[in-house]
Amino acid sequence: MSTRENGGWANEPTSRREVRIERWAARAFYASPCRYFIDLPLDMTGSVINARRDAVAAGHVLLEGGSVYATDTHYRGAMLVEIHPERGADPNVVALQGEFLSRQLPPKGVKLRKELDELVRWSLDLGLEVSGVYVQYEEDGSLVRPTNVFAALRGEGEITEPGQESRR
């Protein structure tokens, strides 16, 4: 297992799908509530577009090259789009920070529930508590596709508002 800091390796070739621990400094996201059916192979392109539109309409600036995640941890289903950190109070802005167990998804034949269940199982086998799971989506032509799965570890990845302590 290896680690990385806040970066991405979506464009790096990989012959095997390693499980890694990533350490994230506080990253700001706009959480746009949406239905997220992890067990159904739905195209999430519209949800990503709507989440970006919602963030901009709420007055936020999207982070260029920022990440997009889907989760059922927030609002029982939300798309999280990365934005520039801000100082104002917006209940839809959350920060993710701490350690995340991550695994790159195969380009085809993804069964998200199986991938997330396996990631959580590995976390528990390592003696680490999972506080939430996330699926990263990236553009692939005119559509988006899931590229990575993440499990927030040790409660450090729980929602925090910028400038405040973690809400446990």
N, C-alpha and C. Protein backbone atom coordinates (compact mmCIF):
# COMPACT_ATOMS: atom_id res chain seq x y z
N MET A 1 0.84 -1.16 0.00
CA MET A 1 0.00 0.00 0.00
C MET A 1 0.90 1.23 0.00
N SER A 2 0.50 2.26 -0.71
CA SER A 2 1.29 3.47 -0.76
C SER A 2 0.41 4.67 -0.45
N THR A 3 1.01 5.84 -0.40
CA THR A 3 0.25 7.04 -0.08
C THR A 3 0.47 8.09 -1.15
N ARG A 4 -0.42 9.07 -1.18
CA ARG A 4 -0.25 10.24 -2.05
C ARG A 4 -0.91 11.41 -1.37
N GLU A 5 -0.53 12.59 -1.76
CA GLU A 5 -1.07 13.83 -1.19
C GLU A 5 -1.94 14.52 -2.23
N ASN A 6 -3.18 14.83 -1.89
CA ASN A 6 -4.13 15.61 -2.67
C ASN A 6 -4.07 15.49 -4.19
N GLY A 7 -3.24 14.73 -4.78
CA GLY A 7 -3.13 14.70 -6.23
C GLY A 7 -4.01 13.65 -6.86
N GLY A 8 -3.80 13.46 -8.13
CA GLY A 8 -4.54 12.43 -8.84
C GLY A 8 -3.64 11.66 -9.75
N TRP A 9 -4.02 10.41 -9.98
CA TRP A 9 -3.27 9.63 -10.96
C TRP A 9 -4.21 9.06 -11.98
N ALA A 10 -5.25 9.79 -12.31
CA ALA A 10 -6.21 9.29 -13.27
C ALA A 10 -5.56 9.04 -14.63
N ASN A 11 -4.54 9.81 -14.99
CA ASN A 11 -3.90 9.65 -16.29
C ASN A 11 -2.69 8.73 -16.25
N GLU A 12 -2.34 8.23 -15.07
CA GLU A 12 -1.19 7.34 -14.97
C GLU A 12 -1.60 5.92 -15.30
N PRO A 13 -0.82 5.23 -16.11
CA PRO A 13 -1.15 3.84 -16.39
C PRO A 13 -0.95 2.99 -15.15
N THR A 14 -1.79 1.98 -15.01
CA THR A 14 -1.65 1.08 -13.88
C THR A 14 -1.96 -0.33 -14.33
N SER A 15 -1.07 -1.26 -14.01
CA SER A 15 -1.29 -2.64 -14.42
C SER A 15 -2.09 -3.39 -13.37
N ARG A 16 -2.05 -2.93 -12.13
CA ARG A 16 -2.86 -3.53 -11.09
C ARG A 16 -3.53 -2.41 -10.30
N ARG A 17 -4.61 -2.75 -9.70
CA ARG A 17 -5.38 -1.74 -8.99
C ARG A 17 -5.02 -1.77 -7.51
N GLU A 18 -4.04 -0.99 -7.15
CA GLU A 18 -3.57 -0.94 -5.78
C GLU A 18 -4.57 -0.19 -4.89
N VAL A 19 -4.54 -0.55 -3.64
CA VAL A 19 -5.27 0.20 -2.63
C VAL A 19 -4.24 1.11 -1.97
N ARG A 20 -4.58 2.40 -1.86
CA ARG A 20 -3.64 3.38 -1.33
C ARG A 20 -4.30 4.21 -0.24
N ILE A 21 -3.49 4.78 0.61
CA ILE A 21 -3.98 5.75 1.58
C ILE A 21 -3.56 7.13 1.09
N GLU A 22 -4.56 8.01 0.98
CA GLU A 22 -4.31 9.39 0.58
C GLU A 22 -4.54 10.30 1.77
N ARG A 23 -3.74 11.32 1.89
CA ARG A 23 -3.93 12.33 2.93
C ARG A 23 -4.38 13.63 2.26
N TRP A 24 -5.57 14.06 2.62
CA TRP A 24 -6.11 15.27 2.04
C TRP A 24 -6.06 16.40 3.05
N ALA A 25 -5.51 17.54 2.62
CA ALA A 25 -5.67 18.77 3.40
C ALA A 25 -7.12 19.20 3.18
N ALA A 26 -7.62 20.12 3.97
CA ALA A 26 -9.02 20.53 3.83
C ALA A 26 -9.30 20.99 2.40
N ARG A 27 -10.28 20.35 1.80
CA ARG A 27 -10.71 20.68 0.44
C ARG A 27 -12.19 21.05 0.50
N ALA A 28 -12.57 22.16 -0.14
CA ALA A 28 -13.94 22.64 -0.08
C ALA A 28 -14.76 22.07 -1.24
N PHE A 29 -15.99 21.68 -0.92
CA PHE A 29 -16.91 21.13 -1.92
C PHE A 29 -18.29 21.73 -1.73
N TYR A 30 -18.98 21.92 -2.85
CA TYR A 30 -20.39 22.27 -2.80
C TYR A 30 -21.16 20.97 -2.92
N ALA A 31 -22.02 20.70 -1.94
CA ALA A 31 -22.82 19.46 -1.93
C ALA A 31 -24.18 19.75 -2.53
N SER A 32 -24.44 19.16 -3.68
CA SER A 32 -25.71 19.33 -4.37
C SER A 32 -26.52 18.04 -4.19
N PRO A 33 -27.61 18.11 -3.41
CA PRO A 33 -28.40 16.89 -3.17
C PRO A 33 -28.91 16.30 -4.48
N CYS A 34 -28.82 15.00 -4.58
CA CYS A 34 -29.36 14.30 -5.76
C CYS A 34 -29.60 12.84 -5.38
N ARG A 35 -30.41 12.18 -6.14
CA ARG A 35 -30.61 10.76 -5.93
C ARG A 35 -29.38 10.04 -6.45
N TYR A 36 -28.87 9.14 -5.64
CA TYR A 36 -27.69 8.40 -6.05
C TYR A 36 -27.94 6.92 -5.80
N PHE A 37 -28.14 6.18 -6.87
CA PHE A 37 -28.42 4.75 -6.78
C PHE A 37 -27.16 3.98 -7.11
N ILE A 38 -26.43 3.62 -6.06
CA ILE A 38 -25.13 2.98 -6.25
C ILE A 38 -25.26 1.61 -6.92
N ASP A 39 -26.40 0.95 -6.75
CA ASP A 39 -26.56 -0.40 -7.28
C ASP A 39 -27.05 -0.43 -8.73
N LEU A 40 -27.38 0.74 -9.27
CA LEU A 40 -27.85 0.79 -10.65
C LEU A 40 -26.80 1.46 -11.53
N PRO A 41 -26.57 0.91 -12.71
CA PRO A 41 -25.56 1.51 -13.62
C PRO A 41 -26.13 2.71 -14.37
N LEU A 42 -26.34 3.80 -13.65
CA LEU A 42 -26.91 5.00 -14.26
C LEU A 42 -25.81 5.94 -14.74
N ASP A 43 -26.11 6.68 -15.80
CA ASP A 43 -25.21 7.72 -16.27
C ASP A 43 -25.37 8.93 -15.36
N MET A 44 -24.29 9.35 -14.74
CA MET A 44 -24.33 10.45 -13.79
C MET A 44 -23.97 11.80 -14.42
N THR A 45 -23.87 11.86 -15.75
CA THR A 45 -23.48 13.09 -16.43
C THR A 45 -24.41 14.25 -16.07
N GLY A 46 -25.70 14.02 -16.13
CA GLY A 46 -26.66 15.07 -15.81
C GLY A 46 -26.54 15.54 -14.37
N SER A 47 -26.29 14.62 -13.46
CA SER A 47 -26.14 14.99 -12.05
C SER A 47 -24.90 15.84 -11.82
N VAL A 48 -23.81 15.52 -12.52
CA VAL A 48 -22.58 16.31 -12.40
C VAL A 48 -22.81 17.71 -12.97
N ILE A 49 -23.43 17.80 -14.13
CA ILE A 49 -23.72 19.11 -14.75
C ILE A 49 -24.61 19.93 -13.83
N ASN A 50 -25.64 19.31 -13.26
CA ASN A 50 -26.56 20.04 -12.37
C ASN A 50 -25.84 20.51 -11.10
N ALA A 51 -24.97 19.68 -10.55
CA ALA A 51 -24.23 20.06 -9.33
C ALA A 51 -23.31 21.25 -9.61
N ARG A 52 -22.64 21.23 -10.74
CA ARG A 52 -21.78 22.37 -11.09
C ARG A 52 -22.60 23.63 -11.28
N ARG A 53 -23.74 23.51 -11.95
CA ARG A 53 -24.64 24.65 -12.16
C ARG A 53 -25.15 25.18 -10.83
N ASP A 54 -25.54 24.28 -9.90
CA ASP A 54 -26.03 24.69 -8.59
C ASP A 54 -24.96 25.46 -7.81
N ALA A 55 -23.71 24.99 -7.87
CA ALA A 55 -22.63 25.64 -7.14
C ALA A 55 -22.40 27.05 -7.66
N VAL A 56 -22.39 27.21 -8.97
CA VAL A 56 -22.18 28.53 -9.58
C VAL A 56 -23.37 29.43 -9.27
N ALA A 57 -24.59 28.89 -9.35
CA ALA A 57 -25.78 29.69 -9.05
C ALA A 57 -25.80 30.15 -7.60
N ALA A 58 -25.16 29.39 -6.72
CA ALA A 58 -25.09 29.76 -5.30
C ALA A 58 -23.94 30.75 -5.04
N GLY A 59 -23.23 31.14 -6.11
CA GLY A 59 -22.19 32.14 -5.99
C GLY A 59 -20.78 31.60 -5.74
N HIS A 60 -20.57 30.32 -5.94
CA HIS A 60 -19.25 29.72 -5.71
C HIS A 60 -18.46 29.65 -7.00
N VAL A 61 -17.16 29.60 -6.87
CA VAL A 61 -16.27 29.49 -8.01
C VAL A 61 -15.72 28.07 -8.04
N LEU A 62 -15.97 27.37 -9.15
CA LEU A 62 -15.48 26.00 -9.28
C LEU A 62 -13.96 26.01 -9.35
N LEU A 63 -13.34 25.07 -8.70
CA LEU A 63 -11.89 24.93 -8.74
C LEU A 63 -11.51 24.32 -10.08
N GLU A 64 -10.65 25.01 -10.83
CA GLU A 64 -10.24 24.50 -12.14
C GLU A 64 -9.53 23.16 -11.94
N GLY A 65 -10.00 22.13 -12.65
CA GLY A 65 -9.44 20.79 -12.50
C GLY A 65 -9.87 20.11 -11.22
N GLY A 66 -10.86 20.69 -10.52
CA GLY A 66 -11.33 20.13 -9.25
C GLY A 66 -12.04 18.80 -9.44
N SER A 67 -12.14 18.07 -8.37
CA SER A 67 -12.74 16.74 -8.39
C SER A 67 -14.25 16.80 -8.19
N VAL A 68 -14.91 15.72 -8.62
CA VAL A 68 -16.35 15.55 -8.43
C VAL A 68 -16.56 14.17 -7.83
N TYR A 69 -17.32 14.12 -6.73
CA TYR A 69 -17.59 12.85 -6.06
C TYR A 69 -19.09 12.68 -5.87
N ALA A 70 -19.53 11.45 -5.88
CA ALA A 70 -20.91 11.11 -5.53
C ALA A 70 -20.85 10.33 -4.22
N THR A 71 -21.83 10.54 -3.37
CA THR A 71 -21.87 9.86 -2.09
C THR A 71 -23.29 9.81 -1.57
N ASP A 72 -23.55 8.86 -0.69
CA ASP A 72 -24.82 8.87 0.02
C ASP A 72 -24.59 9.29 1.47
N THR A 73 -23.37 9.72 1.78
CA THR A 73 -23.02 10.17 3.12
C THR A 73 -23.64 11.52 3.44
N HIS A 74 -23.83 12.37 2.46
CA HIS A 74 -24.37 13.71 2.64
C HIS A 74 -25.76 13.78 2.02
N TYR A 75 -26.71 14.30 2.75
CA TYR A 75 -28.08 14.51 2.25
C TYR A 75 -28.73 13.23 1.71
N ARG A 76 -28.28 12.07 2.14
CA ARG A 76 -28.78 10.78 1.62
C ARG A 76 -28.59 10.68 0.12
N GLY A 77 -27.63 11.38 -0.38
CA GLY A 77 -27.27 11.35 -1.78
C GLY A 77 -26.90 12.73 -2.26
N ALA A 78 -25.65 12.90 -2.71
CA ALA A 78 -25.21 14.22 -3.16
C ALA A 78 -24.04 14.08 -4.12
N MET A 79 -23.95 15.06 -5.00
CA MET A 79 -22.76 15.23 -5.82
C MET A 79 -21.95 16.32 -5.14
N LEU A 80 -20.67 16.08 -4.97
CA LEU A 80 -19.77 17.06 -4.37
C LEU A 80 -18.85 17.59 -5.45
N VAL A 81 -18.92 18.89 -5.72
CA VAL A 81 -18.05 19.50 -6.72
C VAL A 81 -17.07 20.41 -5.99
N GLU A 82 -15.80 20.29 -6.35
CA GLU A 82 -14.76 21.04 -5.65
C GLU A 82 -14.80 22.50 -6.05
N ILE A 83 -14.77 23.36 -5.03
CA ILE A 83 -14.83 24.80 -5.24
C ILE A 83 -13.65 25.46 -4.53
N HIS A 84 -13.43 26.74 -4.85
CA HIS A 84 -12.42 27.51 -4.13
C HIS A 84 -12.91 27.70 -2.70
N PRO A 85 -12.01 27.55 -1.74
CA PRO A 85 -12.41 27.77 -0.34
C PRO A 85 -12.94 29.19 -0.16
N GLU A 86 -13.87 29.31 0.75
CA GLU A 86 -14.46 30.62 1.00
C GLU A 86 -14.59 30.84 2.49
N ARG A 87 -14.92 32.04 2.86
CA ARG A 87 -15.05 32.36 4.29
C ARG A 87 -16.50 32.50 4.70
N GLY A 88 -17.40 32.67 3.76
CA GLY A 88 -18.81 32.83 4.10
C GLY A 88 -19.43 31.52 4.55
N ALA A 89 -20.54 31.64 5.23
CA ALA A 89 -21.24 30.45 5.72
C ALA A 89 -22.29 30.02 4.70
N ASP A 90 -22.17 28.82 4.21
CA ASP A 90 -23.15 28.23 3.31
C ASP A 90 -23.33 26.79 3.79
N PRO A 91 -24.52 26.40 4.18
CA PRO A 91 -24.72 25.05 4.70
C PRO A 91 -24.43 23.94 3.68
N ASN A 92 -24.38 24.29 2.41
CA ASN A 92 -24.08 23.29 1.37
C ASN A 92 -22.60 23.15 1.09
N VAL A 93 -21.77 23.96 1.73
CA VAL A 93 -20.32 23.85 1.54
C VAL A 93 -19.76 23.00 2.67
N VAL A 94 -19.03 21.97 2.26
CA VAL A 94 -18.40 21.07 3.21
C VAL A 94 -16.92 20.96 2.87
N ALA A 95 -16.14 20.55 3.85
CA ALA A 95 -14.72 20.32 3.62
C ALA A 95 -14.43 18.86 3.95
N LEU A 96 -13.63 18.24 3.13
CA LEU A 96 -13.18 16.87 3.39
C LEU A 96 -11.70 16.95 3.66
N GLN A 97 -11.28 16.27 4.69
CA GLN A 97 -9.86 16.26 5.04
C GLN A 97 -9.56 14.97 5.78
N GLY A 98 -8.29 14.65 5.88
CA GLY A 98 -7.87 13.46 6.62
C GLY A 98 -7.33 12.38 5.70
N GLU A 99 -7.49 11.14 6.13
CA GLU A 99 -6.97 10.01 5.36
C GLU A 99 -8.11 9.27 4.68
N PHE A 100 -7.85 8.89 3.44
CA PHE A 100 -8.84 8.17 2.63
C PHE A 100 -8.17 6.96 2.01
N LEU A 101 -8.80 5.81 2.14
CA LEU A 101 -8.35 4.62 1.43
C LEU A 101 -8.92 4.74 0.02
N SER A 102 -8.10 4.54 -1.00
CA SER A 102 -8.57 4.73 -2.38
C SER A 102 -8.16 3.58 -3.27
N ARG A 103 -8.95 3.40 -4.31
CA ARG A 103 -8.64 2.38 -5.31
C ARG A 103 -9.17 2.86 -6.66
N GLN A 104 -8.34 2.71 -7.67
CA GLN A 104 -8.74 3.08 -9.03
C GLN A 104 -9.67 2.00 -9.57
N LEU A 105 -10.70 2.43 -10.31
CA LEU A 105 -11.66 1.49 -10.89
C LEU A 105 -11.20 1.06 -12.28
N PRO A 106 -11.62 -0.13 -12.70
CA PRO A 106 -11.30 -0.55 -14.07
C PRO A 106 -12.11 0.30 -15.05
N PRO A 107 -11.63 0.44 -16.29
CA PRO A 107 -12.33 1.29 -17.26
C PRO A 107 -13.72 0.78 -17.66
N LYS A 108 -13.94 -0.53 -17.55
CA LYS A 108 -15.24 -1.09 -17.95
C LYS A 108 -15.67 -2.15 -16.95
N GLY A 109 -16.96 -2.44 -16.95
CA GLY A 109 -17.49 -3.50 -16.12
C GLY A 109 -17.48 -3.21 -14.63
N VAL A 110 -17.64 -1.94 -14.27
CA VAL A 110 -17.58 -1.53 -12.87
C VAL A 110 -18.89 -1.88 -12.16
N LYS A 111 -18.76 -2.54 -11.02
CA LYS A 111 -19.90 -2.78 -10.13
C LYS A 111 -19.58 -2.03 -8.85
N LEU A 112 -20.12 -0.81 -8.75
CA LEU A 112 -19.74 0.09 -7.68
C LEU A 112 -20.00 -0.47 -6.29
N ARG A 113 -21.14 -1.10 -6.07
CA ARG A 113 -21.43 -1.64 -4.74
C ARG A 113 -20.36 -2.65 -4.33
N LYS A 114 -19.97 -3.53 -5.25
CA LYS A 114 -18.94 -4.53 -4.96
C LYS A 114 -17.60 -3.86 -4.64
N GLU A 115 -17.24 -2.84 -5.42
CA GLU A 115 -15.98 -2.13 -5.21
C GLU A 115 -15.96 -1.42 -3.85
N LEU A 116 -17.07 -0.75 -3.51
CA LEU A 116 -17.13 -0.03 -2.25
C LEU A 116 -17.15 -0.99 -1.06
N ASP A 117 -17.91 -2.09 -1.19
CA ASP A 117 -17.94 -3.09 -0.12
C ASP A 117 -16.56 -3.68 0.13
N GLU A 118 -15.83 -3.92 -0.94
CA GLU A 118 -14.48 -4.47 -0.81
C GLU A 118 -13.54 -3.46 -0.14
N LEU A 119 -13.66 -2.20 -0.51
CA LEU A 119 -12.82 -1.16 0.09
C LEU A 119 -13.11 -1.03 1.59
N VAL A 120 -14.38 -1.08 1.97
CA VAL A 120 -14.75 -1.00 3.38
C VAL A 120 -14.24 -2.23 4.12
N ARG A 121 -14.35 -3.40 3.51
CA ARG A 121 -13.85 -4.63 4.14
C ARG A 121 -12.35 -4.52 4.40
N TRP A 122 -11.59 -4.03 3.42
CA TRP A 122 -10.15 -3.86 3.61
C TRP A 122 -9.87 -2.89 4.75
N SER A 123 -10.64 -1.83 4.82
CA SER A 123 -10.47 -0.85 5.89
C SER A 123 -10.66 -1.52 7.25
N LEU A 124 -11.72 -2.30 7.37
CA LEU A 124 -12.00 -2.97 8.63
C LEU A 124 -10.94 -4.01 8.95
N ASP A 125 -10.44 -4.72 7.91
CA ASP A 125 -9.37 -5.69 8.12
C ASP A 125 -8.10 -5.02 8.64
N LEU A 126 -7.89 -3.77 8.25
CA LEU A 126 -6.73 -3.00 8.72
C LEU A 126 -6.98 -2.35 10.08
N GLY A 127 -8.19 -2.55 10.61
CA GLY A 127 -8.54 -1.96 11.90
C GLY A 127 -8.90 -0.50 11.83
N LEU A 128 -9.31 -0.03 10.64
CA LEU A 128 -9.63 1.38 10.43
C LEU A 128 -11.14 1.57 10.30
N GLU A 129 -11.67 2.55 10.98
CA GLU A 129 -13.09 2.85 10.92
C GLU A 129 -13.39 3.71 9.69
N VAL A 130 -14.47 3.39 8.99
CA VAL A 130 -14.88 4.14 7.80
C VAL A 130 -16.02 5.08 8.17
N SER A 131 -15.88 6.37 7.84
CA SER A 131 -16.94 7.34 8.14
C SER A 131 -17.74 7.74 6.91
N GLY A 132 -17.35 7.30 5.75
CA GLY A 132 -18.10 7.62 4.53
C GLY A 132 -17.39 7.06 3.31
N VAL A 133 -18.15 6.83 2.25
CA VAL A 133 -17.57 6.34 1.00
C VAL A 133 -17.94 7.28 -0.13
N TYR A 134 -17.04 7.38 -1.12
CA TYR A 134 -17.18 8.33 -2.21
C TYR A 134 -16.76 7.67 -3.52
N VAL A 135 -17.44 8.05 -4.60
CA VAL A 135 -17.08 7.60 -5.94
C VAL A 135 -16.70 8.84 -6.74
N GLN A 136 -15.49 8.84 -7.30
CA GLN A 136 -15.03 9.97 -8.10
C GLN A 136 -15.50 9.79 -9.53
N TYR A 137 -15.98 10.88 -10.13
CA TYR A 137 -16.40 10.88 -11.52
C TYR A 137 -15.52 11.84 -12.30
N GLU A 138 -15.12 11.42 -13.49
CA GLU A 138 -14.31 12.26 -14.37
C GLU A 138 -14.91 12.24 -15.77
N GLU A 139 -14.65 13.33 -16.50
CA GLU A 139 -15.17 13.43 -17.86
C GLU A 139 -14.48 12.44 -18.76
N ASP A 140 -15.27 11.83 -19.63
CA ASP A 140 -14.79 10.87 -20.62
C ASP A 140 -15.55 11.19 -21.90
N GLY A 141 -15.00 12.13 -22.68
CA GLY A 141 -15.72 12.63 -23.85
C GLY A 141 -16.85 13.53 -23.38
N SER A 142 -18.06 13.26 -23.84
CA SER A 142 -19.20 14.08 -23.44
C SER A 142 -19.93 13.51 -22.22
N LEU A 143 -19.45 12.40 -21.70
CA LEU A 143 -20.05 11.76 -20.53
C LEU A 143 -19.09 11.80 -19.36
N VAL A 144 -19.56 11.36 -18.20
CA VAL A 144 -18.68 11.15 -17.05
C VAL A 144 -18.72 9.68 -16.70
N ARG A 145 -17.63 9.20 -16.10
CA ARG A 145 -17.61 7.80 -15.68
C ARG A 145 -16.91 7.70 -14.32
N PRO A 146 -17.26 6.68 -13.54
CA PRO A 146 -16.59 6.51 -12.26
C PRO A 146 -15.16 6.07 -12.49
N THR A 147 -14.22 6.67 -11.76
CA THR A 147 -12.80 6.35 -11.96
C THR A 147 -12.10 5.85 -10.70
N ASN A 148 -12.58 6.25 -9.52
CA ASN A 148 -11.94 5.86 -8.27
C ASN A 148 -13.00 5.75 -7.18
N VAL A 149 -12.70 4.92 -6.18
CA VAL A 149 -13.55 4.84 -4.99
C VAL A 149 -12.69 5.20 -3.78
N PHE A 150 -13.34 5.81 -2.78
CA PHE A 150 -12.65 6.28 -1.59
C PHE A 150 -13.44 5.92 -0.35
N ALA A 151 -12.73 5.60 0.73
CA ALA A 151 -13.34 5.40 2.04
C ALA A 151 -12.65 6.33 3.01
N ALA A 152 -13.41 7.22 3.66
CA ALA A 152 -12.86 8.14 4.66
C ALA A 152 -12.53 7.34 5.91
N LEU A 153 -11.30 7.47 6.40
CA LEU A 153 -10.83 6.66 7.53
C LEU A 153 -10.77 7.42 8.84
N ARG A 154 -10.93 6.68 9.92
CA ARG A 154 -10.73 7.18 11.28
C ARG A 154 -11.59 8.37 11.62
N GLY A 155 -12.67 8.57 10.89
CA GLY A 155 -13.52 9.71 11.18
C GLY A 155 -12.93 11.04 10.78
N GLU A 156 -11.69 11.07 10.27
CA GLU A 156 -11.04 12.33 9.92
C GLU A 156 -11.64 12.94 8.66
N GLY A 157 -12.31 12.14 7.87
CA GLY A 157 -12.87 12.66 6.63
C GLY A 157 -14.30 13.12 6.77
N GLU A 158 -14.80 13.22 8.02
CA GLU A 158 -16.16 13.66 8.20
C GLU A 158 -16.34 15.09 7.75
N ILE A 159 -17.55 15.49 7.57
CA ILE A 159 -17.85 16.83 7.09
C ILE A 159 -17.33 17.86 8.08
N THR A 160 -16.66 18.85 7.60
CA THR A 160 -16.30 20.00 8.42
C THR A 160 -16.61 21.25 7.61
N GLU A 161 -17.01 22.26 8.30
CA GLU A 161 -17.19 23.53 7.62
C GLU A 161 -15.88 24.26 7.65
N PRO A 162 -15.54 24.98 6.60
CA PRO A 162 -14.26 25.70 6.60
C PRO A 162 -14.09 26.53 7.87
N GLY A 163 -12.92 26.37 8.50
CA GLY A 163 -12.60 27.14 9.68
C GLY A 163 -13.19 26.58 10.98
N GLN A 164 -13.87 25.41 10.90
CA GLN A 164 -14.44 24.82 12.10
C GLN A 164 -13.92 23.41 12.29
N GLU A 165 -14.11 22.89 13.50
CA GLU A 165 -13.68 21.53 13.81
C GLU A 165 -14.67 20.52 13.23
N SER A 166 -14.22 19.30 13.11
CA SER A 166 -15.05 18.22 12.59
C SER A 166 -16.29 18.04 13.47
N ARG A 167 -17.45 17.83 12.82
CA ARG A 167 -18.68 17.55 13.55
C ARG A 167 -18.80 16.04 13.72
N ARG A 168 -18.60 15.54 14.90
CA ARG A 168 -18.69 14.09 15.16
C ARG A 168 -19.95 13.79 15.92
